[in-house]
Amino acid sequence: MAKVKRYKRKLKWNRVIVFVFFITGLTYLGTSIFLRQHNVNLSTRTQRVESEIVSIQRENEALKVEIQQLLNQAAQVASEDGMVKDESNVVYIGNEE
């Protein structure tokens, strides 16, 4: 019986290098698409929150004006009834601007 010679398969580095570059390219494309979409989502969320902040600031300004008008009206009614404001007994709570 003749001996069968077995050859060791040589690793072809060219194929390994091409495979690694292929996987790297696919990974790059996948992450760039994912990150771009994530960035768009974050930008949209940021714009939405900023618009909410602006609307709430407008509402706060309107409420401050309304509070001031009510305070003036209360002071006018009190002065008409002969009441006097004693500044020594007045205590302010919160931010006074």
Protein backbone atom coordinates (compact mmCIF):
# COMPACT_ATOMS: atom_id res chain seq x y z
CA MET A 1 0.00 0.00 0.00
CA ALA A 2 1.29 3.40 -0.92
CA LYS A 3 1.64 6.07 1.69
CA VAL A 4 -0.65 9.03 1.30
CA LYS A 5 1.21 12.22 1.73
CA ARG A 6 -0.66 14.81 3.72
CA TYR A 7 0.10 18.38 3.02
CA LYS A 8 -0.39 20.99 5.64
CA ARG A 9 -2.64 23.71 4.39
CA LYS A 10 -0.82 26.96 4.35
CA LEU A 11 -2.66 29.93 5.67
CA LYS A 12 -3.07 32.47 2.93
CA TRP A 13 -2.56 35.84 4.52
CA ASN A 14 -4.11 37.66 1.61
CA ARG A 15 -7.49 36.07 2.31
CA VAL A 16 -7.23 36.80 6.03
CA ILE A 17 -6.37 40.44 5.37
CA VAL A 18 -9.24 40.85 2.90
CA PHE A 19 -11.65 39.22 5.36
CA VAL A 20 -10.52 41.51 8.20
CA PHE A 21 -10.90 44.61 6.01
CA PHE A 22 -14.34 43.44 4.90
CA ILE A 23 -15.50 42.96 8.49
CA THR A 24 -13.99 46.31 9.46
CA GLY A 25 -15.80 48.05 6.61
CA LEU A 26 -19.13 46.47 7.52
CA THR A 27 -18.66 47.45 11.15
CA TYR A 28 -17.79 51.02 10.16
CA LEU A 29 -20.88 51.33 7.96
CA GLY A 30 -23.15 49.86 10.62
CA THR A 31 -21.89 52.11 13.40
CA SER A 32 -21.89 55.25 11.25
CA ILE A 33 -25.52 54.69 10.22
CA PHE A 34 -26.55 53.93 13.81
CA LEU A 35 -24.72 56.95 15.21
CA ARG A 36 -26.12 59.28 12.56
CA GLN A 37 -29.66 58.14 13.37
CA HIS A 38 -28.99 58.46 17.10
CA ASN A 39 -27.63 61.99 16.56
CA VAL A 40 -30.77 62.95 14.62
CA ASN A 41 -32.97 61.60 17.43
CA LEU A 42 -31.01 63.55 20.05
CA SER A 43 -31.21 66.72 17.98
CA THR A 44 -34.97 66.35 17.60
CA ARG A 45 -35.38 65.78 21.32
CA THR A 46 -33.20 68.81 22.10
CA GLN A 47 -35.30 71.05 19.85
CA ARG A 48 -38.51 69.78 21.43
CA VAL A 49 -37.22 70.44 24.96
CA GLU A 50 -35.96 73.90 24.01
CA SER A 51 -39.37 74.83 22.56
CA GLU A 52 -41.05 73.60 25.76
CA ILE A 53 -38.67 75.72 27.82
CA VAL A 54 -39.48 78.81 25.75
CA SER A 55 -43.23 78.26 26.09
CA ILE A 56 -42.96 77.73 29.85
CA GLN A 57 -40.85 80.89 30.19
CA ARG A 58 -43.52 82.86 28.31
CA GLU A 59 -46.19 81.41 30.57
CA ASN A 60 -44.15 82.33 33.67
CA GLU A 61 -43.75 85.91 32.44
CA ALA A 62 -47.50 86.17 31.83
CA LEU A 63 -48.19 84.82 35.32
CA LYS A 64 -45.74 87.31 36.86
CA VAL A 65 -47.59 90.15 35.15
CA GLU A 66 -50.93 88.78 36.34
CA ILE A 67 -49.63 88.46 39.91
CA GLN A 68 -48.39 92.04 39.85
CA GLN A 69 -51.75 93.26 38.57
CA LEU A 70 -53.58 91.35 41.31
CA LEU A 71 -51.23 92.74 43.96
CA ASN A 72 -51.85 96.27 42.70
CA GLN A 73 -55.59 95.66 42.64
CA ALA A 74 -55.52 94.24 46.20
CA ALA A 75 -53.48 97.22 47.41
CA GLN A 76 -55.93 99.63 45.76
CA VAL A 77 -58.95 97.91 47.36
CA ALA A 78 -57.22 97.86 50.74
CA SER A 79 -56.31 101.56 50.54
CA GLU A 80 -59.91 102.42 49.56
CA ASP A 81 -61.09 100.63 52.71
CA GLY A 82 -58.63 102.62 54.80
CA MET A 83 -56.09 99.87 55.42
CA VAL A 84 -52.43 100.76 55.70
CA LYS A 85 -49.51 98.48 54.86
CA ASP A 86 -47.08 98.17 57.75
CA GLU A 87 -43.73 97.41 56.10
CA SER A 88 -42.19 96.23 59.37
CA ASN A 89 -44.59 93.26 59.49
CA VAL A 90 -44.19 92.23 55.84
CA VAL A 91 -42.24 89.01 55.21
CA TYR A 92 -41.36 88.03 51.64
CA ILE A 93 -41.04 84.34 50.82
CA GLY A 94 -39.40 83.13 47.62
CA ASN A 95 -37.46 84.95 44.94
CA GLU A 96 -38.29 88.61 44.71
CA GLU A 97 -36.97 90.19 41.55
